[in-house]
Amino acid sequence: MSLGLGHLETARLGATLIAAFLASLVECVEALTVVLAVGTVRGWPSAIAGAAAALAVLAAIVAALGPALTRVPLHLIQFVVGTMILLFGLRWLRKAILRAAGLIPLHDEQAAFAESTAALHEARGIESVRGLDRLAFAAAFNITMLEGTEVVFIVIALGAGGAGLLLPASLGATAALLVVAALGLALHRPLARVPENTLKFVVGVLLSAFGTFWVGEGAGLGWPGPAAANPDLAIPFLIAAYLALALWLVPMCRSGAVEVEG
């Protein structure tokens, strides 16, 4: 019995790490697109300095908020954060379904890079101050903070799901950052080949499942079947249910759009 519980705990830690990694990967790719555009047009020192400053601020936020969660009742955290991350996951999943059905266009990192580059070329007239390009620094800082704030939210939300989950959530986000940063430095161009909609589809399913689980746990709801004894067993069933529903909705949305056009 203890061995089974150990496997469940390992699976829960692994699922948390993977969810944090995939969700953070999407946000890091979007931030990298703008940072690369800033570095290419305005110069790399200021762009890197802006992104690094934002990462330092975000790390301080995680360090401050993470331990504070331990002083709040777990059920309250699970319900509140579970609701927020459920809504967050459903928003991603809805957009991924609509993109997969062809109802809204896929996100094009190459086009976003070209747009950012053009805007920065137009702003070349802004002066630099002793080697620090204020526009480049501000642009890199702002996009890193914008996308990074969502990563921080994901890390804290996933970490709030239970004891010991903040570490794997942080490791997943850090791994995503390192992977994207390494690829960005090696390629010096947007990661246009990353299947972003597929990532958002998977992440939407994972976050929706985790959010539903934590809302249920926070509300004290009982899980049916084997999950009544081991609540963690509800997570894979919730993931499978959301995935099946999302895959069913894609052709439904596509056929509905065809009927409307017809």
C-alpha atoms as a PDB file:
ATOM      1  CA  MET A   1       0.000   0.000   0.000  1.00  0.00           C
ATOM      2  CA  SER A   2       2.805   2.405   0.892  1.00  0.00           C
ATOM      3  CA  LEU A   3       4.526   1.524  -2.383  1.00  0.00           C
ATOM      4  CA  GLY A   4       1.361   2.461  -4.275  1.00  0.00           C
ATOM      5  CA  LEU A   5       1.131   5.770  -2.441  1.00  0.00           C
ATOM      6  CA  GLY A   6       4.787   6.403  -3.248  1.00  0.00           C
ATOM      7  CA  HIS A   7       4.113   5.855  -6.942  1.00  0.00           C
ATOM      8  CA  LEU A   8       1.142   8.224  -6.786  1.00  0.00           C
ATOM      9  CA  GLU A   9       3.231  10.897  -5.107  1.00  0.00           C
ATOM     10  CA  THR A  10       5.976  10.487  -7.707  1.00  0.00           C
ATOM     11  CA  ALA A  11       3.417  10.723 -10.501  1.00  0.00           C
ATOM     12  CA  ARG A  12       1.940  13.874  -8.949  1.00  0.00           C
ATOM     13  CA  LEU A  13       5.363  15.518  -8.688  1.00  0.00           C
ATOM     14  CA  GLY A  14       6.159  14.519 -12.263  1.00  0.00           C
ATOM     15  CA  ALA A  15       2.842  15.819 -13.593  1.00  0.00           C
ATOM     16  CA  THR A  16       3.402  19.129 -11.790  1.00  0.00           C
ATOM     17  CA  LEU A  17       6.900  19.477 -13.254  1.00  0.00           C
ATOM     18  CA  ILE A  18       5.705  18.667 -16.789  1.00  0.00           C
ATOM     19  CA  ALA A  19       2.728  21.043 -16.580  1.00  0.00           C
ATOM     20  CA  ALA A  20       4.965  23.869 -15.351  1.00  0.00           C
ATOM     21  CA  PHE A  21       7.555  23.126 -18.049  1.00  0.00           C
ATOM     22  CA  LEU A  22       5.090  23.113 -20.954  1.00  0.00           C
ATOM     23  CA  ALA A  23       3.141  26.155 -19.776  1.00  0.00           C
ATOM     24  CA  SER A  24       6.338  28.110 -19.149  1.00  0.00           C
ATOM     25  CA  LEU A  25       7.768  27.007 -22.499  1.00  0.00           C
ATOM     26  CA  VAL A  26       4.944  28.762 -24.357  1.00  0.00           C
ATOM     27  CA  GLU A  27       5.393  32.014 -22.441  1.00  0.00           C
ATOM     28  CA  CYS A  28       9.196  31.918 -22.773  1.00  0.00           C
ATOM     29  CA  VAL A  29       8.985  31.471 -26.550  1.00  0.00           C
ATOM     30  CA  GLU A  30       6.716  34.517 -26.835  1.00  0.00           C
ATOM     31  CA  ALA A  31       9.049  36.605 -24.670  1.00  0.00           C
ATOM     32  CA  LEU A  32      12.097  35.417 -26.596  1.00  0.00           C
ATOM     33  CA  THR A  33      10.596  36.641 -29.877  1.00  0.00           C
ATOM     34  CA  VAL A  34      10.509  40.243 -28.663  1.00  0.00           C
ATOM     35  CA  VAL A  35      13.860  40.060 -26.842  1.00  0.00           C
ATOM     36  CA  LEU A  36      15.522  38.752 -30.028  1.00  0.00           C
ATOM     37  CA  ALA A  37      13.956  41.562 -32.037  1.00  0.00           C
ATOM     38  CA  VAL A  38      15.165  44.131 -29.495  1.00  0.00           C
ATOM     39  CA  GLY A  39      18.672  42.678 -29.447  1.00  0.00           C
ATOM     40  CA  THR A  40      18.892  42.479 -33.236  1.00  0.00           C
ATOM     41  CA  VAL A  41      17.803  46.075 -33.841  1.00  0.00           C
ATOM     42  CA  ARG A  42      18.916  47.994 -30.747  1.00  0.00           C
ATOM     43  CA  GLY A  43      21.855  45.928 -29.484  1.00  0.00           C
ATOM     44  CA  TRP A  44      22.254  42.905 -27.230  1.00  0.00           C
ATOM     45  CA  PRO A  45      23.703  44.354 -23.987  1.00  0.00           C
ATOM     46  CA  SER A  46      20.661  46.486 -23.171  1.00  0.00           C
ATOM     47  CA  ALA A  47      18.204  43.807 -24.305  1.00  0.00           C
ATOM     48  CA  ILE A  48      19.870  41.141 -22.165  1.00  0.00           C
ATOM     49  CA  ALA A  49      20.128  43.536 -19.219  1.00  0.00           C
ATOM     50  CA  GLY A  50      16.393  44.307 -19.419  1.00  0.00           C
ATOM     51  CA  ALA A  51      15.412  40.644 -19.602  1.00  0.00           C
ATOM     52  CA  ALA A  52      17.796  39.742 -16.748  1.00  0.00           C
ATOM     53  CA  ALA A  53      16.401  42.518 -14.543  1.00  0.00           C
ATOM     54  CA  ALA A  54      12.863  41.270 -15.097  1.00  0.00           C
ATOM     55  CA  LEU A  55      13.895  37.695 -14.272  1.00  0.00           C
ATOM     56  CA  ALA A  56      15.468  38.905 -11.015  1.00  0.00           C
ATOM     57  CA  VAL A  57      12.233  40.675 -10.040  1.00  0.00           C
ATOM     58  CA  LEU A  58      10.163  37.600 -10.891  1.00  0.00           C
ATOM     59  CA  ALA A  59      12.474  35.318  -8.908  1.00  0.00           C
ATOM     60  CA  ALA A  60      12.107  37.618  -5.895  1.00  0.00           C
ATOM     61  CA  ILE A  61       8.308  37.444  -6.224  1.00  0.00           C
ATOM     62  CA  VAL A  62       8.347  33.634  -6.238  1.00  0.00           C
ATOM     63  CA  ALA A  63      10.755  33.564  -3.280  1.00  0.00           C
ATOM     64  CA  ALA A  64       8.502  35.932  -1.325  1.00  0.00           C
ATOM     65  CA  LEU A  65       5.123  34.420  -2.158  1.00  0.00           C
ATOM     66  CA  GLY A  66       6.090  30.743  -2.082  1.00  0.00           C
ATOM     67  CA  PRO A  67       6.819  30.440   1.671  1.00  0.00           C
ATOM     68  CA  ALA A  68       3.870  32.729   2.492  1.00  0.00           C
ATOM     69  CA  LEU A  69       1.517  30.100   1.116  1.00  0.00           C
ATOM     70  CA  THR A  70       2.450  27.747   3.949  1.00  0.00           C
ATOM     71  CA  ARG A  71       0.741  30.080   6.449  1.00  0.00           C
ATOM     72  CA  VAL A  72      -2.628  29.900   4.648  1.00  0.00           C
ATOM     73  CA  PRO A  73      -4.965  26.901   5.146  1.00  0.00           C
ATOM     74  CA  LEU A  74      -4.363  24.385   2.355  1.00  0.00           C
ATOM     75  CA  HIS A  75      -8.051  23.911   1.499  1.00  0.00           C
ATOM     76  CA  LEU A  76      -8.508  27.660   1.040  1.00  0.00           C
ATOM     77  CA  ILE A  77      -5.451  27.886  -1.206  1.00  0.00           C
ATOM     78  CA  GLN A  78      -6.575  24.904  -3.251  1.00  0.00           C
ATOM     79  CA  PHE A  79     -10.052  26.328  -3.813  1.00  0.00           C
ATOM     80  CA  VAL A  80      -9.018  29.902  -4.657  1.00  0.00           C
ATOM     81  CA  VAL A  81      -5.948  29.072  -6.719  1.00  0.00           C
ATOM     82  CA  GLY A  82      -7.685  26.064  -8.251  1.00  0.00           C
ATOM     83  CA  THR A  83     -10.482  28.310  -9.496  1.00  0.00           C
ATOM     84  CA  MET A  84      -7.998  30.780 -10.969  1.00  0.00           C
ATOM     85  CA  ILE A  85      -5.886  28.157 -12.707  1.00  0.00           C
ATOM     86  CA  LEU A  86      -9.008  26.378 -13.969  1.00  0.00           C
ATOM     87  CA  LEU A  87     -10.150  29.597 -15.639  1.00  0.00           C
ATOM     88  CA  PHE A  88      -6.618  30.158 -16.935  1.00  0.00           C
ATOM     89  CA  GLY A  89      -6.441  26.634 -18.381  1.00  0.00           C
ATOM     90  CA  LEU A  90      -9.904  26.830 -19.944  1.00  0.00           C
ATOM     91  CA  ARG A  91      -8.953  30.096 -21.658  1.00  0.00           C
ATOM     92  CA  TRP A  92      -5.879  28.465 -23.207  1.00  0.00           C
ATOM     93  CA  LEU A  93      -7.821  25.338 -24.133  1.00  0.00           C
ATOM     94  CA  ARG A  94     -10.630  27.328 -25.751  1.00  0.00           C
ATOM     95  CA  LYS A  95      -8.185  29.240 -27.963  1.00  0.00           C
ATOM     96  CA  ALA A  96      -6.289  26.055 -28.831  1.00  0.00           C
ATOM     97  CA  ILE A  97      -9.536  24.328 -29.852  1.00  0.00           C
ATOM     98  CA  LEU A  98     -10.590  27.272 -32.007  1.00  0.00           C
ATOM     99  CA  ARG A  99      -7.155  27.416 -33.636  1.00  0.00           C
ATOM    100  CA  ALA A 100      -7.154  23.663 -34.275  1.00  0.00           C
ATOM    101  CA  ALA A 101     -10.618  24.018 -35.833  1.00  0.00           C
ATOM    102  CA  GLY A 102      -9.344  26.823 -38.065  1.00  0.00           C
ATOM    103  CA  LEU A 103     -11.687  29.445 -36.610  1.00  0.00           C
ATOM    104  CA  ILE A 104      -8.893  31.748 -35.450  1.00  0.00           C
ATOM    105  CA  PRO A 105      -5.402  32.002 -36.983  1.00  0.00           C
ATOM    106  CA  LEU A 106      -2.399  30.234 -35.514  1.00  0.00           C
ATOM    107  CA  HIS A 107       0.072  32.406 -33.648  1.00  0.00           C
ATOM    108  CA  ASP A 108       3.006  33.219 -35.963  1.00  0.00           C
ATOM    109  CA  GLU A 109       6.241  33.899 -34.078  1.00  0.00           C
ATOM    110  CA  GLN A 110       8.016  34.861 -37.327  1.00  0.00           C
ATOM    111  CA  ALA A 111       5.386  37.510 -38.049  1.00  0.00           C
ATOM    112  CA  ALA A 112       5.550  38.762 -34.454  1.00  0.00           C
ATOM    113  CA  PHE A 113       9.341  39.031 -34.767  1.00  0.00           C
ATOM    114  CA  ALA A 114       9.041  41.024 -38.004  1.00  0.00           C
ATOM    115  CA  GLU A 115       6.446  43.345 -36.470  1.00  0.00           C
ATOM    116  CA  SER A 116       8.556  43.991 -33.371  1.00  0.00           C
ATOM    117  CA  THR A 117      11.655  44.574 -35.503  1.00  0.00           C
ATOM    118  CA  ALA A 118       9.847  47.101 -37.702  1.00  0.00           C
ATOM    119  CA  ALA A 119       8.552  49.016 -34.681  1.00  0.00           C
ATOM    120  CA  LEU A 120      12.028  49.140 -33.157  1.00  0.00           C
ATOM    121  CA  HIS A 121      13.561  50.373 -36.422  1.00  0.00           C
ATOM    122  CA  GLU A 122      11.093  53.253 -36.409  1.00  0.00           C
ATOM    123  CA  ALA A 123      12.122  54.154 -32.855  1.00  0.00           C
ATOM    124  CA  ARG A 124      15.838  54.327 -33.603  1.00  0.00           C
ATOM    125  CA  GLY A 125      15.831  58.051 -32.967  1.00  0.00           C
ATOM    126  CA  ILE A 126      15.619  57.608 -29.190  1.00  0.00           C
ATOM    127  CA  GLU A 127      19.038  58.316 -27.721  1.00  0.00           C
ATOM    128  CA  SER A 128      21.044  55.953 -25.571  1.00  0.00           C
ATOM    129  CA  VAL A 129      22.557  57.004 -22.262  1.00  0.00           C
ATOM    130  CA  ARG A 130      26.193  55.937 -21.730  1.00  0.00           C
ATOM    131  CA  GLY A 131      25.811  52.627 -23.500  1.00  0.00           C
ATOM    132  CA  LEU A 132      22.404  51.758 -22.024  1.00  0.00           C
ATOM    133  CA  ASP A 133      19.655  51.908 -24.603  1.00  0.00           C
ATOM    134  CA  ARG A 134      16.603  52.851 -22.561  1.00  0.00           C
ATOM    135  CA  LEU A 135      14.137  51.693 -25.193  1.00  0.00           C
ATOM    136  CA  ALA A 136      15.841  48.314 -25.607  1.00  0.00           C
ATOM    137  CA  PHE A 137      16.089  47.835 -21.842  1.00  0.00           C
ATOM    138  CA  ALA A 138      12.451  48.826 -21.287  1.00  0.00           C
ATOM    139  CA  ALA A 139      11.124  46.691 -24.146  1.00  0.00           C
ATOM    140  CA  ALA A 140      13.005  43.579 -23.011  1.00  0.00           C
ATOM    141  CA  PHE A 141      12.111  44.200 -19.368  1.00  0.00           C
ATOM    142  CA  ASN A 142       8.415  44.743 -20.097  1.00  0.00           C
ATOM    143  CA  ILE A 143       7.900  41.683 -22.298  1.00  0.00           C
ATOM    144  CA  THR A 144       9.829  39.475 -19.886  1.00  0.00           C
ATOM    145  CA  MET A 145       7.777  40.786 -16.970  1.00  0.00           C
ATOM    146  CA  LEU A 146       4.534  40.382 -18.916  1.00  0.00           C
ATOM    147  CA  GLU A 147       5.114  36.788 -19.969  1.00  0.00           C
ATOM    148  CA  GLY A 148       7.046  35.996 -16.795  1.00  0.00           C
ATOM    149  CA  THR A 149       4.170  37.090 -14.588  1.00  0.00           C
ATOM    150  CA  GLU A 150       2.049  34.366 -16.140  1.00  0.00           C
ATOM    151  CA  VAL A 151       4.851  31.882 -15.492  1.00  0.00           C
ATOM    152  CA  VAL A 152       5.042  33.010 -11.852  1.00  0.00           C
ATOM    153  CA  PHE A 153       1.291  32.602 -11.537  1.00  0.00           C
ATOM    154  CA  ILE A 154       1.505  29.086 -12.978  1.00  0.00           C
ATOM    155  CA  VAL A 155       4.389  28.116 -10.686  1.00  0.00           C
ATOM    156  CA  ILE A 156       2.685  29.434  -7.554  1.00  0.00           C
ATOM    157  CA  ALA A 157      -0.654  27.917  -8.544  1.00  0.00           C
ATOM    158  CA  LEU A 158       0.833  24.506  -9.284  1.00  0.00           C
ATOM    159  CA  GLY A 159       2.959  24.700  -6.136  1.00  0.00           C
ATOM    160  CA  ALA A 160      -0.099  25.514  -4.040  1.00  0.00           C
ATOM    161  CA  GLY A 161      -1.705  22.204  -4.920  1.00  0.00           C
ATOM    162  CA  GLY A 162       0.001  20.339  -2.104  1.00  0.00           C
ATOM    163  CA  ALA A 163       3.054  19.986   0.080  1.00  0.00           C
ATOM    164  CA  GLY A 164       6.320  19.761  -1.835  1.00  0.00           C
ATOM    165  CA  LEU A 165       4.894  20.789  -5.210  1.00  0.00           C
ATOM    166  CA  LEU A 166       6.448  24.266  -5.366  1.00  0.00           C
ATOM    167  CA  LEU A 167       9.910  22.808  -6.033  1.00  0.00           C
ATOM    168  CA  PRO A 168       8.974  20.679  -9.087  1.00  0.00           C
ATOM    169  CA  ALA A 169       6.838  23.536 -10.426  1.00  0.00           C
ATOM    170  CA  SER A 170       9.811  25.910 -10.095  1.00  0.00           C
ATOM    171  CA  LEU A 171      12.155  23.361 -11.655  1.00  0.00           C
ATOM    172  CA  GLY A 172       9.806  22.901 -14.610  1.00  0.00           C
ATOM    173  CA  ALA A 173       9.603  26.646 -15.238  1.00  0.00           C
ATOM    174  CA  THR A 174      13.377  27.048 -14.852  1.00  0.00           C
ATOM    175  CA  ALA A 175      14.014  24.178 -17.264  1.00  0.00           C
ATOM    176  CA  ALA A 176      11.734  25.806 -19.852  1.00  0.00           C
ATOM    177  CA  LEU A 177      13.545  29.116 -19.460  1.00  0.00           C
ATOM    178  CA  LEU A 178      16.953  27.477 -19.892  1.00  0.00           C
ATOM    179  CA  VAL A 179      15.859  25.471 -22.933  1.00  0.00           C
ATOM    180  CA  VAL A 180      14.360  28.492 -24.707  1.00  0.00           C
ATOM    181  CA  ALA A 181      17.290  30.745 -23.767  1.00  0.00           C
ATOM    182  CA  ALA A 182      19.807  28.190 -25.068  1.00  0.00           C
ATOM    183  CA  LEU A 183      17.924  27.772 -28.341  1.00  0.00           C
ATOM    184  CA  GLY A 184      17.565  31.521 -28.693  1.00  0.00           C
ATOM    185  CA  LEU A 185      21.286  32.090 -28.200  1.00  0.00           C
ATOM    186  CA  ALA A 186      22.113  29.306 -30.655  1.00  0.00           C
ATOM    187  CA  LEU A 187      19.634  30.282 -33.369  1.00  0.00           C
ATOM    188  CA  HIS A 188      19.348  34.076 -32.893  1.00  0.00           C
ATOM    189  CA  ARG A 189      15.868  33.966 -34.393  1.00  0.00           C
ATOM    190  CA  PRO A 190      12.338  33.176 -33.270  1.00  0.00           C
ATOM    191  CA  LEU A 191      11.459  29.569 -32.515  1.00  0.00           C
ATOM    192  CA  ALA A 192       8.884  29.562 -35.304  1.00  0.00           C
ATOM    193  CA  ARG A 193       8.930  25.784 -35.620  1.00  0.00           C
ATOM    194  CA  VAL A 194       7.756  25.218 -32.052  1.00  0.00           C
ATOM    195  CA  PRO A 195       4.219  23.753 -32.309  1.00  0.00           C
ATOM    196  CA  GLU A 196       2.809  26.429 -30.012  1.00  0.00           C
ATOM    197  CA  ASN A 197      -0.849  25.556 -30.494  1.00  0.00           C
ATOM    198  CA  THR A 198      -0.156  21.908 -29.671  1.00  0.00           C
ATOM    199  CA  LEU A 199       1.653  23.019 -26.514  1.00  0.00           C
ATOM    200  CA  LYS A 200      -1.222  25.287 -25.524  1.00  0.00           C
ATOM    201  CA  PHE A 201      -3.672  22.476 -26.214  1.00  0.00           C
ATOM    202  CA  VAL A 202      -1.783  20.102 -23.915  1.00  0.00           C
ATOM    203  CA  VAL A 203      -1.177  22.758 -21.264  1.00  0.00           C
ATOM    204  CA  GLY A 204      -4.825  23.803 -21.365  1.00  0.00           C
ATOM    205  CA  VAL A 205      -5.860  20.223 -20.693  1.00  0.00           C
ATOM    206  CA  LEU A 206      -3.351  19.827 -17.845  1.00  0.00           C
ATOM    207  CA  LEU A 207      -4.165  23.124 -16.140  1.00  0.00           C
ATOM    208  CA  SER A 208      -7.910  22.562 -16.467  1.00  0.00           C
ATOM    209  CA  ALA A 209      -7.553  19.112 -14.921  1.00  0.00           C
ATOM    210  CA  PHE A 210      -5.348  20.350 -12.055  1.00  0.00           C
ATOM    211  CA  GLY A 211      -7.668  23.307 -11.453  1.00  0.00           C
ATOM    212  CA  THR A 212     -10.741  21.076 -11.298  1.00  0.00           C
ATOM    213  CA  PHE A 213      -8.977  18.693  -8.923  1.00  0.00           C
ATOM    214  CA  TRP A 214      -7.903  21.453  -6.541  1.00  0.00           C
ATOM    215  CA  VAL A 215     -11.321  23.114  -6.565  1.00  0.00           C
ATOM    216  CA  GLY A 216     -12.824  19.756  -5.626  1.00  0.00           C
ATOM    217  CA  GLU A 217     -10.226  19.180  -2.921  1.00  0.00           C
ATOM    218  CA  GLY A 218     -10.632  22.690  -1.534  1.00  0.00           C
ATOM    219  CA  ALA A 219     -14.416  22.339  -1.455  1.00  0.00           C
ATOM    220  CA  GLY A 220     -14.139  18.978   0.313  1.00  0.00           C
ATOM    221  CA  LEU A 221     -15.896  17.088  -2.473  1.00  0.00           C
ATOM    222  CA  GLY A 222     -15.637  13.314  -2.549  1.00  0.00           C
ATOM    223  CA  TRP A 223     -14.228  11.645  -5.650  1.00  0.00           C
ATOM    224  CA  PRO A 224     -15.988   8.578  -7.082  1.00  0.00           C
ATOM    225  CA  GLY A 225     -14.513   5.128  -7.607  1.00  0.00           C
ATOM    226  CA  PRO A 226     -10.914   4.341  -6.660  1.00  0.00           C
ATOM    227  CA  ALA A 227     -10.223   8.069  -6.170  1.00  0.00           C
ATOM    228  CA  ALA A 228     -12.419   7.995  -3.068  1.00  0.00           C
ATOM    229  CA  ALA A 229      -9.561   6.281  -1.211  1.00  0.00           C
ATOM    230  CA  ASN A 230      -6.683   7.952  -3.086  1.00  0.00           C
ATOM    231  CA  PRO A 231      -7.759  11.401  -4.410  1.00  0.00           C
ATOM    232  CA  ASP A 232      -4.650  11.711  -6.596  1.00  0.00           C
ATOM    233  CA  LEU A 233      -6.134   9.007  -8.821  1.00  0.00           C
ATOM    234  CA  ALA A 234      -8.704  11.574  -9.944  1.00  0.00           C
ATOM    235  CA  ILE A 235      -6.034  13.618 -11.758  1.00  0.00           C
ATOM    236  CA  PRO A 236      -5.347  11.200 -14.679  1.00  0.00           C
ATOM    237  CA  PHE A 237      -9.083  10.654 -15.125  1.00  0.00           C
ATOM    238  CA  LEU A 238      -9.682  14.417 -15.239  1.00  0.00           C
ATOM    239  CA  ILE A 239      -6.852  14.838 -17.768  1.00  0.00           C
ATOM    240  CA  ALA A 240      -8.332  12.080 -19.943  1.00  0.00           C
ATOM    241  CA  ALA A 241     -11.830  13.615 -19.685  1.00  0.00           C
ATOM    242  CA  TYR A 242     -10.676  17.117 -20.673  1.00  0.00           C
ATOM    243  CA  LEU A 243      -8.560  15.730 -23.508  1.00  0.00           C
ATOM    244  CA  ALA A 244     -11.433  13.651 -24.873  1.00  0.00           C
ATOM    245  CA  LEU A 245     -13.817  16.611 -24.636  1.00  0.00           C
ATOM    246  CA  ALA A 246     -11.346  18.964 -26.342  1.00  0.00           C
ATOM    247  CA  LEU A 247     -10.634  16.495 -29.171  1.00  0.00           C
ATOM    248  CA  TRP A 248     -14.381  16.038 -29.649  1.00  0.00           C
ATOM    249  CA  LEU A 249     -14.971  19.791 -29.765  1.00  0.00           C
ATOM    250  CA  VAL A 250     -12.408  20.446 -32.535  1.00  0.00           C
ATOM    251  CA  PRO A 251     -14.354  18.707 -35.351  1.00  0.00           C
ATOM    252  CA  MET A 252     -17.633  19.955 -33.858  1.00  0.00           C
ATOM    253  CA  CYS A 253     -16.427  23.565 -34.082  1.00  0.00           C
ATOM    254  CA  ARG A 254     -15.045  22.981 -37.561  1.00  0.00           C
ATOM    255  CA  SER A 255     -18.264  21.456 -38.876  1.00  0.00           C
ATOM    256  CA  GLY A 256     -20.311  24.190 -37.210  1.00  0.00           C
ATOM    257  CA  ALA A 257     -18.246  26.840 -38.970  1.00  0.00           C
ATOM    258  CA  VAL A 258     -18.706  25.079 -42.332  1.00  0.00           C
ATOM    259  CA  GLU A 259     -22.477  24.949 -41.831  1.00  0.00           C
ATOM    260  CA  VAL A 260     -22.591  28.663 -41.003  1.00  0.00           C
ATOM    261  CA  GLU A 261     -20.523  29.532 -44.083  1.00  0.00           C
ATOM    262  CA  GLY A 262     -22.691  27.263 -46.207  1.00  0.00           C
END
